Amino acid sequence: MDGFDHILNWKLQPGSHPFPGKEGGTCINEAALIAAGFEYRPIRRVEDMPECFSRPICRLAMHLNDTASDAQRQRLLPFVTRLACADTSEIECKRASYIGSQTARHYTFEKGLSILEHALVIGRKAEAAPPEAVKTRLLAVQTSAATATSIPNTPLFAAMKSWFVKKHAAPVGE
């Protein structure tokens, strides 16, 4: 795990998040976005990822992230720097086919990790970002966080947030 210690203070959480908290507090794809040097944004679906990210691999990673227990989810951290590995459409089809064949039936989280690892072997590997660059990117997002923990971007949260914003935005006396 050399060069990986900087990610260990990042906490993966289920779902999408408007902005990470001071503990990290994002899904695996949102963390991968930051690690690859992109500006943070919520990732609600795989198609929200930049083109350099493999769709089949990110879809599997998102599924594992969102269905795992809190302890299991943290075991996805080593994959954060490996998702920016999009390849030709032929390779992406091979990845999708492999993942589909392996996930057609119920599978455990352990099996899911193995499937993810094997899917990453198909085609181009993600270009290794220097550990210090990844550390700096993650730390910059954490230090700019307004809250201690991130809040999931759920429909209920979004509705409550919009009520609060509207209420505060109304001029005094209305």
Protein backbone atom coordinates (compact mmCIF):
# COMPACT_ATOMS: atom_id res chain seq x y z
CA MET A 1 0.00 0.00 0.00
CA ASP A 2 2.93 2.34 -0.53
CA GLY A 3 1.77 5.76 -1.63
CA PHE A 4 -1.81 4.95 -0.66
CA ASP A 5 -1.82 6.19 2.95
CA HIS A 6 -3.17 9.61 1.89
CA ILE A 7 -6.50 8.05 0.89
CA LEU A 8 -6.98 6.21 4.18
CA ASN A 9 -8.43 9.30 5.87
CA TRP A 10 -11.13 9.58 3.17
CA LYS A 11 -14.46 7.96 4.05
CA LEU A 12 -16.52 6.45 1.26
CA GLN A 13 -20.28 6.77 1.72
CA PRO A 14 -23.28 5.52 -0.24
CA GLY A 15 -25.01 7.75 -2.77
CA SER A 16 -24.16 11.09 -4.28
CA HIS A 17 -23.17 14.12 -2.21
CA PRO A 18 -23.48 17.86 -2.94
CA PHE A 19 -20.03 18.32 -1.40
CA PRO A 20 -17.78 16.14 0.75
CA GLY A 21 -17.40 16.72 4.46
CA LYS A 22 -14.09 17.10 6.27
CA GLU A 23 -13.81 13.28 6.49
CA GLY A 24 -14.08 12.95 2.71
CA GLY A 25 -17.59 11.62 2.58
CA THR A 26 -18.23 10.79 -1.07
CA CYS A 27 -19.01 7.76 -3.17
CA ILE A 28 -16.14 5.96 -4.88
CA ASN A 29 -16.75 7.69 -8.23
CA GLU A 30 -16.77 11.17 -6.65
CA ALA A 31 -13.50 10.36 -4.87
CA ALA A 32 -12.05 9.04 -8.14
CA LEU A 33 -13.04 12.27 -9.87
CA ILE A 34 -11.00 14.31 -7.36
CA ALA A 35 -8.08 11.86 -7.40
CA ALA A 36 -7.88 12.18 -11.20
CA GLY A 37 -7.61 15.97 -10.91
CA PHE A 38 -11.14 17.00 -11.86
CA GLU A 39 -13.15 19.60 -9.97
CA TYR A 40 -15.57 18.02 -7.51
CA ARG A 41 -19.18 17.50 -8.58
CA PRO A 42 -21.87 15.10 -7.43
CA ILE A 43 -22.05 11.89 -9.44
CA ARG A 44 -25.63 10.61 -9.51
CA ARG A 45 -25.13 8.23 -12.43
CA VAL A 46 -22.16 6.80 -14.30
CA GLU A 47 -22.80 9.03 -17.30
CA ASP A 48 -21.89 12.02 -15.08
CA MET A 49 -18.27 10.84 -15.08
CA PRO A 50 -15.75 12.36 -17.53
CA GLU A 51 -15.10 10.37 -20.71
CA CYS A 52 -11.73 9.10 -19.45
CA PHE A 53 -13.52 6.89 -16.89
CA SER A 54 -14.61 3.39 -17.89
CA ARG A 55 -18.42 3.26 -17.76
CA PRO A 56 -18.74 -0.49 -17.03
CA ILE A 57 -16.08 -0.33 -14.30
CA CYS A 58 -17.55 2.81 -12.72
CA ARG A 59 -21.04 1.26 -12.84
CA LEU A 60 -19.81 -1.81 -10.95
CA ALA A 61 -17.86 0.35 -8.49
CA MET A 62 -20.97 2.48 -7.87
CA HIS A 63 -23.11 -0.61 -7.29
CA LEU A 64 -20.58 -2.07 -4.84
CA ASN A 65 -20.25 1.30 -3.10
CA ASP A 66 -24.01 1.75 -2.68
CA THR A 67 -24.83 -1.80 -1.57
CA ALA A 68 -21.88 -2.40 0.78
CA SER A 69 -21.83 -2.02 4.53
CA ASP A 70 -19.79 0.92 5.88
CA ALA A 71 -16.86 -1.39 6.68
CA GLN A 72 -16.98 -3.12 3.29
CA ARG A 73 -17.22 0.18 1.41
CA GLN A 74 -13.87 1.37 2.80
CA ARG A 75 -12.25 -1.63 1.10
CA LEU A 76 -13.01 0.09 -2.21
CA LEU A 77 -10.53 2.89 -1.43
CA PRO A 78 -7.60 1.23 -3.27
CA PHE A 79 -9.66 1.40 -6.48
CA VAL A 80 -10.18 5.20 -6.30
CA THR A 81 -7.08 5.94 -8.38
CA ARG A 82 -7.78 3.18 -10.91
CA LEU A 83 -11.17 4.09 -12.42
CA ALA A 84 -9.92 6.63 -15.01
CA CYS A 85 -9.08 3.90 -17.50
CA ALA A 86 -11.55 4.23 -20.40
CA ASP A 87 -10.39 2.38 -23.48
CA THR A 88 -11.67 1.72 -27.00
CA SER A 89 -15.33 0.84 -27.46
CA GLU A 90 -14.26 -2.76 -28.15
CA ILE A 91 -12.45 -3.00 -24.79
CA GLU A 92 -15.32 -1.27 -22.98
CA CYS A 93 -17.69 -3.86 -24.51
CA LYS A 94 -15.41 -6.68 -23.31
CA ARG A 95 -15.40 -5.17 -19.82
CA ALA A 96 -19.19 -4.81 -19.84
CA SER A 97 -19.62 -8.36 -21.10
CA TYR A 98 -17.27 -9.77 -18.46
CA ILE A 99 -18.94 -7.82 -15.65
CA GLY A 100 -22.41 -8.79 -16.92
CA SER A 101 -21.52 -12.48 -17.05
CA GLN A 102 -20.10 -12.38 -13.53
CA THR A 103 -22.94 -10.38 -11.95
CA ALA A 104 -25.91 -12.08 -13.64
CA ARG A 105 -26.65 -13.94 -10.41
CA HIS A 106 -26.45 -12.84 -6.80
CA TYR A 107 -22.88 -12.27 -5.66
CA THR A 108 -21.22 -11.30 -2.41
CA PHE A 109 -19.25 -8.14 -1.82
CA GLU A 110 -16.06 -10.25 -1.85
CA LYS A 111 -16.95 -11.63 -5.26
CA GLY A 112 -17.76 -8.09 -6.43
CA LEU A 113 -14.28 -6.92 -5.43
CA SER A 114 -12.78 -9.82 -7.37
CA ILE A 115 -14.91 -8.98 -10.42
CA LEU A 116 -13.81 -5.33 -10.20
CA GLU A 117 -10.15 -6.35 -9.95
CA HIS A 118 -10.42 -8.67 -12.96
CA ALA A 119 -12.35 -6.09 -15.03
CA LEU A 120 -9.53 -3.61 -14.42
CA VAL A 121 -7.07 -6.04 -16.03
CA ILE A 122 -8.99 -5.92 -19.32
CA GLY A 123 -7.54 -3.21 -21.55
CA ARG A 124 -5.73 -0.04 -20.61
CA LYS A 125 -4.71 0.58 -17.01
CA ALA A 126 -5.32 3.94 -15.38
CA GLU A 127 -2.29 6.18 -15.56
CA ALA A 128 -0.79 6.30 -12.11
CA ALA A 129 -1.23 9.71 -10.52
CA PRO A 130 1.67 10.64 -8.27
CA PRO A 131 0.64 9.90 -4.66
CA GLU A 132 1.53 13.43 -3.58
CA ALA A 133 -0.73 14.93 -6.27
CA VAL A 134 -3.66 12.75 -5.18
CA LYS A 135 -3.01 13.61 -1.54
CA THR A 136 -2.97 17.33 -2.35
CA ARG A 137 -6.21 17.10 -4.36
CA LEU A 138 -8.09 15.17 -1.67
CA LEU A 139 -6.76 17.39 1.11
CA ALA A 140 -7.80 20.56 -0.76
CA VAL A 141 -11.38 19.32 -1.01
CA GLN A 142 -11.45 18.22 2.63
CA THR A 143 -10.11 21.52 3.95
CA SER A 144 -12.64 23.51 1.91
CA ALA A 145 -15.55 21.49 3.33
CA ALA A 146 -18.08 23.55 5.27
CA THR A 147 -19.35 20.67 7.40
CA ALA A 148 -17.78 17.84 9.37
CA THR A 149 -19.62 15.21 7.36
CA SER A 150 -21.13 15.15 3.92
CA ILE A 151 -24.87 14.97 3.46
CA PRO A 152 -26.27 12.56 0.88
CA ASN A 153 -27.96 14.16 -2.09
CA THR A 154 -31.30 12.37 -1.79
CA PRO A 155 -34.65 13.59 -3.16
CA LEU A 156 -35.91 14.20 0.39
CA PHE A 157 -32.78 16.16 1.33
CA ALA A 158 -32.98 18.19 -1.88
CA ALA A 159 -36.64 19.05 -1.21
CA MET A 160 -35.92 20.08 2.38
CA LYS A 161 -32.94 22.13 1.24
CA SER A 162 -35.06 23.94 -1.36
CA TRP A 163 -37.69 24.77 1.30
CA PHE A 164 -35.00 26.18 3.57
CA VAL A 165 -33.39 28.23 0.81
CA LYS A 166 -36.75 29.63 -0.32
CA LYS A 167 -37.68 30.50 3.25
CA HIS A 168 -34.39 32.33 3.80
CA ALA A 169 -34.52 34.04 0.42
CA ALA A 170 -37.91 35.67 1.08
CA PRO A 171 -37.64 39.37 2.02
CA VAL A 172 -38.31 40.22 5.65
CA GLY A 173 -41.97 41.03 6.20
CA GLU A 174 -43.37 38.49 3.78
